[in-house]
């Protein structure tokens, strides 16, 4: 199981960003409160792993078109980016790593 120290390392490993997704929580804020949320995050990640269920709320994202080049009126000149909840990134990193 994931332990608190590992959860804190996961949080510390996130890129420092101010952008927010649908949940209005930034990476910067999560890093600021990492000690307070480490234990509940461990419980949620471990439960999710055991039950093999990724929380549906963490699947939601905001998709924004980012301009690439040339004519701004042509849709082919944009690429989509998805702003995912910070918590979903922690879940993904825990699942893909040696923590669990």
PDB file of N, CA and C in Angstrom:
ATOM      1  N   UNK A   1       0.825  -1.218   0.000  1.00  0.00           N
ATOM      2  CA  UNK A   1       0.000   0.000   0.000  1.00  0.00           C
ATOM      3  C   UNK A   1       0.863   1.274   0.000  1.00  0.00           C
ATOM      4  N   UNK A   2       0.277   2.314  -0.550  1.00  0.00           N
ATOM      5  CA  UNK A   2       0.930   3.618  -0.556  1.00  0.00           C
ATOM      6  C   UNK A   2       0.945   4.156   0.864  1.00  0.00           C
ATOM      7  N   UNK A   3       2.067   4.718   1.309  1.00  0.00           N
ATOM      8  CA  UNK A   3       2.156   5.314   2.647  1.00  0.00           C
ATOM      9  C   UNK A   3       2.309   6.827   2.510  1.00  0.00           C
ATOM     10  N   UNK A   4       2.118   7.529   3.629  1.00  0.00           N
ATOM     11  CA  UNK A   4       2.099   8.985   3.609  1.00  0.00           C
ATOM     12  C   UNK A   4       3.363   9.613   3.031  1.00  0.00           C
ATOM     13  N   UNK A   5       4.512   9.078   3.391  1.00  0.00           N
ATOM     14  CA  UNK A   5       5.772   9.637   2.888  1.00  0.00           C
ATOM     15  C   UNK A   5       5.851   9.536   1.367  1.00  0.00           C
ATOM     16  N   UNK A   6       5.350   8.439   0.831  1.00  0.00           N
ATOM     17  CA  UNK A   6       5.345   8.260  -0.621  1.00  0.00           C
ATOM     18  C   UNK A   6       4.359   9.216  -1.284  1.00  0.00           C
ATOM     19  N   UNK A   7       3.216   9.437  -0.635  1.00  0.00           N
ATOM     20  CA  UNK A   7       2.231  10.384  -1.171  1.00  0.00           C
ATOM     21  C   UNK A   7       2.819  11.786  -1.219  1.00  0.00           C
ATOM     22  N   UNK A   8       3.558  12.144  -0.194  1.00  0.00           N
ATOM     23  CA  UNK A   8       4.196  13.464  -0.172  1.00  0.00           C
ATOM     24  C   UNK A   8       5.220  13.563  -1.302  1.00  0.00           C
ATOM     25  N   UNK A   9       5.972  12.499  -1.541  1.00  0.00           N
ATOM     26  CA  UNK A   9       6.936  12.506  -2.650  1.00  0.00           C
ATOM     27  C   UNK A   9       6.229  12.631  -3.997  1.00  0.00           C
ATOM     28  N   UNK A  10       5.069  11.973  -4.128  1.00  0.00           N
ATOM     29  CA  UNK A  10       4.292  12.105  -5.368  1.00  0.00           C
ATOM     30  C   UNK A  10       3.893  13.560  -5.597  1.00  0.00           C
ATOM     31  N   UNK A  11       3.398  14.189  -4.537  1.00  0.00           N
ATOM     32  CA  UNK A  11       2.963  15.586  -4.627  1.00  0.00           C
ATOM     33  C   UNK A  11       4.140  16.494  -4.949  1.00  0.00           C
ATOM     34  N   UNK A  12       5.254  16.269  -4.272  1.00  0.00           N
ATOM     35  CA  UNK A  12       6.435  17.101  -4.508  1.00  0.00           C
ATOM     36  C   UNK A  12       6.945  16.954  -5.940  1.00  0.00           C
ATOM     37  N   UNK A  13       6.705  15.814  -6.560  1.00  0.00           N
ATOM     38  CA  UNK A  13       7.164  15.567  -7.921  1.00  0.00           C
ATOM     39  C   UNK A  13       6.309  16.201  -8.999  1.00  0.00           C
ATOM     40  N   UNK A  14       5.174  16.767  -8.626  1.00  0.00           N
ATOM     41  CA  UNK A  14       4.310  17.424  -9.607  1.00  0.00           C
ATOM     42  C   UNK A  14       4.934  18.726 -10.087  1.00  0.00           C
ATOM     43  N   UNK A  15       4.686  19.063 -11.343  1.00  0.00           N
ATOM     44  CA  UNK A  15       5.175  20.330 -11.880  1.00  0.00           C
ATOM     45  C   UNK A  15       4.430  21.475 -11.213  1.00  0.00           C
ATOM     46  N   UNK A  16       5.157  22.532 -10.892  1.00  0.00           N
ATOM     47  CA  UNK A  16       4.588  23.703 -10.236  1.00  0.00           C
ATOM     48  C   UNK A  16       3.777  24.506 -11.253  1.00  0.00           C
ATOM     49  N   UNK A  17       2.457  24.422 -11.172  1.00  0.00           N
ATOM     50  CA  UNK A  17       1.591  25.139 -12.105  1.00  0.00           C
ATOM     51  C   UNK A  17       0.502  25.880 -11.345  1.00  0.00           C
ATOM     52  N   UNK A  18       0.067  26.970 -11.937  1.00  0.00           N
ATOM     53  CA  UNK A  18      -1.036  27.735 -11.358  1.00  0.00           C
ATOM     54  C   UNK A  18      -2.365  27.426 -12.034  1.00  0.00           C
ATOM     55  N   UNK A  19      -2.312  26.755 -13.183  1.00  0.00           N
ATOM     56  CA  UNK A  19      -3.544  26.459 -13.909  1.00  0.00           C
ATOM     57  C   UNK A  19      -4.409  25.506 -13.091  1.00  0.00           C
ATOM     58  N   UNK A  20      -5.708  25.634 -13.272  1.00  0.00           N
ATOM     59  CA  UNK A  20      -6.649  24.790 -12.535  1.00  0.00           C
ATOM     60  C   UNK A  20      -7.579  24.090 -13.510  1.00  0.00           C
ATOM     61  N   UNK A  21      -8.109  22.974 -13.067  1.00  0.00           N
ATOM     62  CA  UNK A  21      -9.073  22.250 -13.884  1.00  0.00           C
ATOM     63  C   UNK A  21     -10.471  22.528 -13.350  1.00  0.00           C
ATOM     64  N   UNK A  22     -11.368  21.628 -13.653  1.00  0.00           N
ATOM     65  CA  UNK A  22     -12.758  21.794 -13.246  1.00  0.00           C
ATOM     66  C   UNK A  22     -12.928  21.895 -11.724  1.00  0.00           C
ATOM     67  N   UNK A  23     -12.009  21.307 -10.955  1.00  0.00           N
ATOM     68  CA  UNK A  23     -12.122  21.324  -9.497  1.00  0.00           C
ATOM     69  C   UNK A  23     -11.578  22.608  -8.861  1.00  0.00           C
ATOM     70  N   UNK A  24     -10.995  23.500  -9.661  1.00  0.00           N
ATOM     71  CA  UNK A  24     -10.456  24.785  -9.196  1.00  0.00           C
ATOM     72  C   UNK A  24      -9.322  24.651  -8.184  1.00  0.00           C
ATOM     73  N   UNK A  25      -8.562  23.565  -8.253  1.00  0.00           N
ATOM     74  CA  UNK A  25      -7.441  23.348  -7.336  1.00  0.00           C
ATOM     75  C   UNK A  25      -6.157  23.333  -8.155  1.00  0.00           C
ATOM     76  N   UNK A  26      -5.204  24.166  -7.772  1.00  0.00           N
ATOM     77  CA  UNK A  26      -3.934  24.232  -8.500  1.00  0.00           C
ATOM     78  C   UNK A  26      -2.895  23.318  -7.857  1.00  0.00           C
ATOM     79  N   UNK A  27      -1.893  22.982  -8.634  1.00  0.00           N
ATOM     80  CA  UNK A  27      -0.775  22.189  -8.125  1.00  0.00           C
ATOM     81  C   UNK A  27      -0.074  22.949  -7.016  1.00  0.00           C
ATOM     82  N   UNK A  28       0.037  24.238  -7.195  1.00  0.00           N
ATOM     83  CA  UNK A  28       0.678  25.109  -6.205  1.00  0.00           C
ATOM     84  C   UNK A  28      -0.022  24.962  -4.845  1.00  0.00           C
ATOM     85  N   UNK A  29      -1.344  24.959  -4.844  1.00  0.00           N
ATOM     86  CA  UNK A  29      -2.109  24.822  -3.604  1.00  0.00           C
ATOM     87  C   UNK A  29      -1.912  23.437  -2.987  1.00  0.00           C
ATOM     88  N   UNK A  30      -1.962  22.396  -3.811  1.00  0.00           N
ATOM     89  CA  UNK A  30      -1.785  21.023  -3.325  1.00  0.00           C
ATOM     90  C   UNK A  30      -0.420  20.875  -2.655  1.00  0.00           C
ATOM     91  N   UNK A  31       0.610  21.451  -3.267  1.00  0.00           N
ATOM     92  CA  UNK A  31       1.946  21.374  -2.682  1.00  0.00           C
ATOM     93  C   UNK A  31       2.000  22.092  -1.337  1.00  0.00           C
ATOM     94  N   UNK A  32       1.250  23.158  -1.221  1.00  0.00           N
ATOM     95  CA  UNK A  32       1.223  23.934   0.025  1.00  0.00           C
ATOM     96  C   UNK A  32       0.587  23.146   1.178  1.00  0.00           C
ATOM     97  N   UNK A  33      -0.406  22.303   0.877  1.00  0.00           N
ATOM     98  CA  UNK A  33      -1.119  21.561   1.923  1.00  0.00           C
ATOM     99  C   UNK A  33      -0.784  20.064   1.925  1.00  0.00           C
ATOM    100  N   UNK A  34       0.325  19.691   1.321  1.00  0.00           N
ATOM    101  CA  UNK A  34       0.668  18.274   1.137  1.00  0.00           C
ATOM    102  C   UNK A  34       0.674  17.468   2.430  1.00  0.00           C
ATOM    103  N   UNK A  35       1.155  18.032   3.517  1.00  0.00           N
ATOM    104  CA  UNK A  35       1.203  17.291   4.783  1.00  0.00           C
ATOM    105  C   UNK A  35      -0.199  16.985   5.301  1.00  0.00           C
ATOM    106  N   UNK A  36      -1.114  17.909   5.089  1.00  0.00           N
ATOM    107  CA  UNK A  36      -2.482  17.730   5.581  1.00  0.00           C
ATOM    108  C   UNK A  36      -3.282  16.729   4.748  1.00  0.00           C
ATOM    109  N   UNK A  37      -2.946  16.597   3.467  1.00  0.00           N
ATOM    110  CA  UNK A  37      -3.742  15.708   2.604  1.00  0.00           C
ATOM    111  C   UNK A  37      -3.078  14.363   2.318  1.00  0.00           C
ATOM    112  N   UNK A  38      -1.864  14.160   2.808  1.00  0.00           N
ATOM    113  CA  UNK A  38      -1.133  12.922   2.503  1.00  0.00           C
ATOM    114  C   UNK A  38      -1.885  11.679   2.974  1.00  0.00           C
ATOM    115  N   UNK A  39      -2.381  11.695   4.200  1.00  0.00           N
ATOM    116  CA  UNK A  39      -3.073  10.508   4.725  1.00  0.00           C
ATOM    117  C   UNK A  39      -4.376  10.225   3.978  1.00  0.00           C
ATOM    118  N   UNK A  40      -5.268  11.225   3.814  1.00  0.00           N
ATOM    119  CA  UNK A  40      -6.496  10.945   3.055  1.00  0.00           C
ATOM    120  C   UNK A  40      -6.215  10.530   1.612  1.00  0.00           C
ATOM    121  N   UNK A  41      -5.174  11.107   1.007  1.00  0.00           N
ATOM    122  CA  UNK A  41      -4.812  10.737  -0.358  1.00  0.00           C
ATOM    123  C   UNK A  41      -4.384   9.273  -0.414  1.00  0.00           C
ATOM    124  N   UNK A  42      -3.612   8.836   0.566  1.00  0.00           N
ATOM    125  CA  UNK A  42      -3.199   7.421   0.639  1.00  0.00           C
ATOM    126  C   UNK A  42      -4.409   6.503   0.739  1.00  0.00           C
ATOM    127  N   UNK A  43      -5.334   6.860   1.591  1.00  0.00           N
ATOM    128  CA  UNK A  43      -6.539   6.041   1.771  1.00  0.00           C
ATOM    129  C   UNK A  43      -7.301   5.922   0.458  1.00  0.00           C
ATOM    130  N   UNK A  44      -7.489   7.044  -0.216  1.00  0.00           N
ATOM    131  CA  UNK A  44      -8.239   7.039  -1.482  1.00  0.00           C
ATOM    132  C   UNK A  44      -7.516   6.258  -2.575  1.00  0.00           C
ATOM    133  N   UNK A  45      -6.218   6.481  -2.703  1.00  0.00           N
ATOM    134  CA  UNK A  45      -5.456   5.772  -3.738  1.00  0.00           C
ATOM    135  C   UNK A  45      -5.442   4.276  -3.469  1.00  0.00           C
ATOM    136  N   UNK A  46      -5.195   3.884  -2.232  1.00  0.00           N
ATOM    137  CA  UNK A  46      -5.163   2.455  -1.887  1.00  0.00           C
ATOM    138  C   UNK A  46      -6.518   1.795  -2.108  1.00  0.00           C
ATOM    139  N   UNK A  47      -7.578   2.479  -1.707  1.00  0.00           N
ATOM    140  CA  UNK A  47      -8.924   1.931  -1.905  1.00  0.00           C
ATOM    141  C   UNK A  47      -9.240   1.804  -3.400  1.00  0.00           C
ATOM    142  N   UNK A  48      -8.874   2.810  -4.159  1.00  0.00           N
ATOM    143  CA  UNK A  48      -9.103   2.785  -5.596  1.00  0.00           C
ATOM    144  C   UNK A  48      -8.344   1.634  -6.247  1.00  0.00           C
ATOM    145  N   UNK A  49      -7.116   1.415  -5.812  1.00  0.00           N
ATOM    146  CA  UNK A  49      -6.303   0.341  -6.370  1.00  0.00           C
ATOM    147  C   UNK A  49      -6.892  -1.032  -6.024  1.00  0.00           C
ATOM    148  N   UNK A  50      -7.284  -1.209  -4.788  1.00  0.00           N
ATOM    149  CA  UNK A  50      -7.853  -2.488  -4.335  1.00  0.00           C
ATOM    150  C   UNK A  50      -9.152  -2.792  -5.076  1.00  0.00           C
ATOM    151  N   UNK A  51     -10.021  -1.775  -5.202  1.00  0.00           N
ATOM    152  CA  UNK A  51     -11.326  -1.968  -5.846  1.00  0.00           C
ATOM    153  C   UNK A  51     -11.248  -1.887  -7.369  1.00  0.00           C
ATOM    154  N   UNK A  52     -10.079  -1.514  -7.892  1.00  0.00           N
ATOM    155  CA  UNK A  52      -9.874  -1.385  -9.335  1.00  0.00           C
ATOM    156  C   UNK A  52     -10.843  -0.400  -9.985  1.00  0.00           C
ATOM    157  N   UNK A  53     -11.060   0.692  -9.284  1.00  0.00           N
ATOM    158  CA  UNK A  53     -11.963   1.741  -9.781  1.00  0.00           C
ATOM    159  C   UNK A  53     -11.234   3.077  -9.722  1.00  0.00           C
ATOM    160  N   UNK A  54     -11.171   3.758 -10.869  1.00  0.00           N
ATOM    161  CA  UNK A  54     -10.617   5.107 -10.913  1.00  0.00           C
ATOM    162  C   UNK A  54     -11.785   6.062 -10.688  1.00  0.00           C
ATOM    163  N   UNK A  55     -11.712   6.939  -9.679  1.00  0.00           N
ATOM    164  CA  UNK A  55     -12.853   7.813  -9.368  1.00  0.00           C
ATOM    165  C   UNK A  55     -13.332   8.616 -10.577  1.00  0.00           C
ATOM    166  N   UNK A  56     -14.610   8.515 -10.900  1.00  0.00           N
ATOM    167  CA  UNK A  56     -15.154   9.209 -12.084  1.00  0.00           C
ATOM    168  C   UNK A  56     -14.920  10.718 -12.081  1.00  0.00           C
ATOM    169  N   UNK A  57     -14.964  11.349 -10.919  1.00  0.00           N
ATOM    170  CA  UNK A  57     -14.751  12.797 -10.874  1.00  0.00           C
ATOM    171  C   UNK A  57     -13.345  13.190 -11.315  1.00  0.00           C
ATOM    172  N   UNK A  58     -12.399  12.276 -11.176  1.00  0.00           N
ATOM    173  CA  UNK A  58     -11.026  12.574 -11.576  1.00  0.00           C
ATOM    174  C   UNK A  58     -10.807  12.380 -13.070  1.00  0.00           C
ATOM    175  N   UNK A  59     -11.817  11.884 -13.758  1.00  0.00           N
ATOM    176  CA  UNK A  59     -11.725  11.695 -15.204  1.00  0.00           C
ATOM    177  C   UNK A  59     -12.149  12.944 -15.973  1.00  0.00           C
ATOM    178  N   UNK A  60     -12.751  13.897 -15.289  1.00  0.00           N
ATOM    179  CA  UNK A  60     -13.225  15.108 -15.951  1.00  0.00           C
ATOM    180  C   UNK A  60     -12.065  16.062 -16.204  1.00  0.00           C
ATOM    181  N   UNK A  61     -12.123  16.731 -17.337  1.00  0.00           N
ATOM    182  CA  UNK A  61     -11.084  17.698 -17.660  1.00  0.00           C
ATOM    183  C   UNK A  61     -11.686  18.860 -18.439  1.00  0.00           C
ATOM    184  N   UNK A  62     -10.905  19.904 -18.525  1.00  0.00           N
ATOM    185  CA  UNK A  62     -11.259  21.048 -19.358  1.00  0.00           C
ATOM    186  C   UNK A  62     -10.344  20.980 -20.571  1.00  0.00           C
ATOM    187  N   UNK A  63     -10.917  20.963 -21.768  1.00  0.00           N
ATOM    188  CA  UNK A  63     -10.116  20.902 -22.988  1.00  0.00           C
ATOM    189  C   UNK A  63     -10.101  22.294 -23.619  1.00  0.00           C
ATOM    190  N   UNK A  64      -8.892  22.785 -23.855  1.00  0.00           N
ATOM    191  CA  UNK A  64      -8.716  24.115 -24.433  1.00  0.00           C
ATOM    192  C   UNK A  64      -7.973  24.019 -25.754  1.00  0.00           C
ATOM    193  N   UNK A  65      -8.381  24.830 -26.746  1.00  0.00           N
ATOM    194  CA  UNK A  65      -7.627  24.864 -27.998  1.00  0.00           C
ATOM    195  C   UNK A  65      -6.434  25.812 -27.853  1.00  0.00           C
ATOM    196  N   UNK A  66      -5.254  25.333 -28.222  1.00  0.00           N
ATOM    197  CA  UNK A  66      -4.047  26.156 -28.166  1.00  0.00           C
ATOM    198  C   UNK A  66      -3.581  26.419 -29.602  1.00  0.00           C
ATOM    199  N   UNK A  67      -3.402  27.699 -29.934  1.00  0.00           N
ATOM    200  CA  UNK A  67      -2.977  28.092 -31.272  1.00  0.00           C
ATOM    201  C   UNK A  67      -1.553  27.619 -31.538  1.00  0.00           C
ATOM    202  N   UNK A  68      -1.318  27.044 -32.743  1.00  0.00           N
ATOM    203  CA  UNK A  68       0.010  26.564 -33.127  1.00  0.00           C
ATOM    204  C   UNK A  68       0.713  27.543 -34.048  1.00  0.00           C
ATOM    205  N   UNK A  69       0.100  27.822 -35.211  1.00  0.00           N
ATOM    206  CA  UNK A  69       0.793  28.623 -36.228  1.00  0.00           C
ATOM    207  C   UNK A  69      -0.171  29.128 -37.293  1.00  0.00           C
ATOM    208  N   UNK A  70       0.292  30.018 -38.120  1.00  0.00           N
ATOM    209  CA  UNK A  70      -0.367  30.533 -39.322  1.00  0.00           C
ATOM    210  C   UNK A  70      -1.713  31.194 -39.055  1.00  0.00           C
ATOM    211  N   UNK A  71      -2.732  30.766 -39.786  1.00  0.00           N
ATOM    212  CA  UNK A  71      -4.042  31.409 -39.784  1.00  0.00           C
ATOM    213  C   UNK A  71      -4.871  31.012 -38.558  1.00  0.00           C
ATOM    214  N   UNK A  72      -5.272  32.006 -37.794  1.00  0.00           N
ATOM    215  CA  UNK A  72      -6.064  31.742 -36.584  1.00  0.00           C
ATOM    216  C   UNK A  72      -7.499  31.298 -36.899  1.00  0.00           C
ATOM    217  N   UNK A  73      -7.947  31.496 -38.118  1.00  0.00           N
ATOM    218  CA  UNK A  73      -9.308  31.106 -38.492  1.00  0.00           C
ATOM    219  C   UNK A  73      -9.412  29.638 -38.911  1.00  0.00           C
ATOM    220  N   UNK A  74      -8.283  28.981 -39.098  1.00  0.00           N
ATOM    221  CA  UNK A  74      -8.278  27.585 -39.522  1.00  0.00           C
ATOM    222  C   UNK A  74      -8.153  26.673 -38.299  1.00  0.00           C
ATOM    223  N   UNK A  75      -9.127  25.784 -38.130  1.00  0.00           N
ATOM    224  CA  UNK A  75      -9.143  24.893 -36.961  1.00  0.00           C
ATOM    225  C   UNK A  75      -7.943  23.945 -36.918  1.00  0.00           C
ATOM    226  N   UNK A  76      -7.358  23.648 -38.075  1.00  0.00           N
ATOM    227  CA  UNK A  76      -6.192  22.758 -38.117  1.00  0.00           C
ATOM    228  C   UNK A  76      -4.962  23.375 -37.452  1.00  0.00           C
ATOM    229  N   UNK A  77      -5.006  24.669 -37.197  1.00  0.00           N
ATOM    230  CA  UNK A  77      -3.873  25.363 -36.599  1.00  0.00           C
ATOM    231  C   UNK A  77      -3.974  25.438 -35.073  1.00  0.00           C
ATOM    232  N   UNK A  78      -4.819  24.623 -34.518  1.00  0.00           N
ATOM    233  CA  UNK A  78      -4.974  24.557 -33.061  1.00  0.00           C
ATOM    234  C   UNK A  78      -4.755  23.119 -32.604  1.00  0.00           C
ATOM    235  N   UNK A  79      -4.260  22.966 -31.394  1.00  0.00           N
ATOM    236  CA  UNK A  79      -4.140  21.633 -30.803  1.00  0.00           C
ATOM    237  C   UNK A  79      -4.852  21.657 -29.455  1.00  0.00           C
ATOM    238  N   UNK A  80      -5.471  20.557 -29.087  1.00  0.00           N
ATOM    239  CA  UNK A  80      -6.179  20.533 -27.803  1.00  0.00           C
ATOM    240  C   UNK A  80      -5.229  20.203 -26.655  1.00  0.00           C
ATOM    241  N   UNK A  81      -5.461  20.829 -25.515  1.00  0.00           N
ATOM    242  CA  UNK A  81      -4.795  20.418 -24.283  1.00  0.00           C
ATOM    243  C   UNK A  81      -5.889  20.166 -23.250  1.00  0.00           C
ATOM    244  N   UNK A  82      -5.664  19.204 -22.398  1.00  0.00           N
ATOM    245  CA  UNK A  82      -6.639  18.870 -21.362  1.00  0.00           C
ATOM    246  C   UNK A  82      -6.070  19.246 -20.001  1.00  0.00           C
ATOM    247  N   UNK A  83      -6.835  20.037 -19.266  1.00  0.00           N
ATOM    248  CA  UNK A  83      -6.458  20.379 -17.901  1.00  0.00           C
ATOM    249  C   UNK A  83      -7.109  19.357 -16.982  1.00  0.00           C
ATOM    250  N   UNK A  84      -6.290  18.467 -16.434  1.00  0.00           N
ATOM    251  CA  UNK A  84      -6.775  17.399 -15.553  1.00  0.00           C
ATOM    252  C   UNK A  84      -6.692  17.824 -14.105  1.00  0.00           C
ATOM    253  N   UNK A  85      -7.551  17.272 -13.243  1.00  0.00           N
ATOM    254  CA  UNK A  85      -7.441  17.562 -11.818  1.00  0.00           C
ATOM    255  C   UNK A  85      -6.084  17.096 -11.280  1.00  0.00           C
ATOM    256  N   UNK A  86      -5.508  17.862 -10.374  1.00  0.00           N
ATOM    257  CA  UNK A  86      -4.212  17.519  -9.790  1.00  0.00           C
ATOM    258  C   UNK A  86      -4.276  16.152  -9.119  1.00  0.00           C
ATOM    259  N   UNK A  87      -5.368  15.856  -8.463  1.00  0.00           N
ATOM    260  CA  UNK A  87      -5.495  14.572  -7.773  1.00  0.00           C
ATOM    261  C   UNK A  87      -5.408  13.400  -8.736  1.00  0.00           C
ATOM    262  N   UNK A  88      -5.938  13.563  -9.939  1.00  0.00           N
ATOM    263  CA  UNK A  88      -5.875  12.464 -10.899  1.00  0.00           C
ATOM    264  C   UNK A  88      -4.427  12.174 -11.281  1.00  0.00           C
ATOM    265  N   UNK A  89      -3.605  13.205 -11.324  1.00  0.00           N
ATOM    266  CA  UNK A  89      -2.193  13.019 -11.641  1.00  0.00           C
ATOM    267  C   UNK A  89      -1.502  12.215 -10.541  1.00  0.00           C
ATOM    268  N   UNK A  90      -1.887  12.467  -9.293  1.00  0.00           N
ATOM    269  CA  UNK A  90      -1.324  11.695  -8.182  1.00  0.00           C
ATOM    270  C   UNK A  90      -1.734  10.232  -8.273  1.00  0.00           C
ATOM    271  N   UNK A  91      -2.991   9.973  -8.595  1.00  0.00           N
ATOM    272  CA  UNK A  91      -3.479   8.606  -8.746  1.00  0.00           C
ATOM    273  C   UNK A  91      -2.700   7.899  -9.857  1.00  0.00           C
ATOM    274  N   UNK A  92      -2.583   8.566 -11.001  1.00  0.00           N
ATOM    275  CA  UNK A  92      -1.895   7.965 -12.148  1.00  0.00           C
ATOM    276  C   UNK A  92      -0.443   7.653 -11.823  1.00  0.00           C
ATOM    277  N   UNK A  93       0.246   8.583 -11.168  1.00  0.00           N
ATOM    278  CA  UNK A  93       1.643   8.362 -10.820  1.00  0.00           C
ATOM    279  C   UNK A  93       1.784   7.196  -9.840  1.00  0.00           C
ATOM    280  N   UNK A  94       0.879   7.105  -8.884  1.00  0.00           N
ATOM    281  CA  UNK A  94       0.940   6.011  -7.905  1.00  0.00           C
ATOM    282  C   UNK A  94       0.698   4.673  -8.589  1.00  0.00           C
ATOM    283  N   UNK A  95      -0.272   4.605  -9.491  1.00  0.00           N
ATOM    284  CA  UNK A  95      -0.587   3.369 -10.179  1.00  0.00           C
ATOM    285  C   UNK A  95       0.547   2.938 -11.119  1.00  0.00           C
ATOM    286  N   UNK A  96       1.188   3.906 -11.748  1.00  0.00           N
ATOM    287  CA  UNK A  96       2.224   3.592 -12.728  1.00  0.00           C
ATOM    288  C   UNK A  96       3.601   3.373 -12.104  1.00  0.00           C
ATOM    289  N   UNK A  97       3.720   3.632 -10.821  1.00  0.00           N
ATOM    290  CA  UNK A  97       5.031   3.540 -10.181  1.00  0.00           C
ATOM    291  C   UNK A  97       5.175   2.266  -9.359  1.00  0.00           C
ATOM    292  N   UNK A  98       6.263   2.210  -8.642  1.00  0.00           N
ATOM    293  CA  UNK A  98       6.528   1.067  -7.764  1.00  0.00           C
ATOM    294  C   UNK A  98       5.911   1.252  -6.384  1.00  0.00           C
ATOM    295  N   UNK A  99       5.155   2.336  -6.181  1.00  0.00           N
ATOM    296  CA  UNK A  99       4.590   2.590  -4.857  1.00  0.00           C
ATOM    297  C   UNK A  99       3.584   1.524  -4.473  1.00  0.00           C
ATOM    298  N   UNK A 100       2.787   1.056  -5.438  1.00  0.00           N
ATOM    299  CA  UNK A 100       1.735   0.084  -5.105  1.00  0.00           C
ATOM    300  C   UNK A 100       2.117  -1.304  -5.577  1.00  0.00           C
TER     301      UNK A 100
END
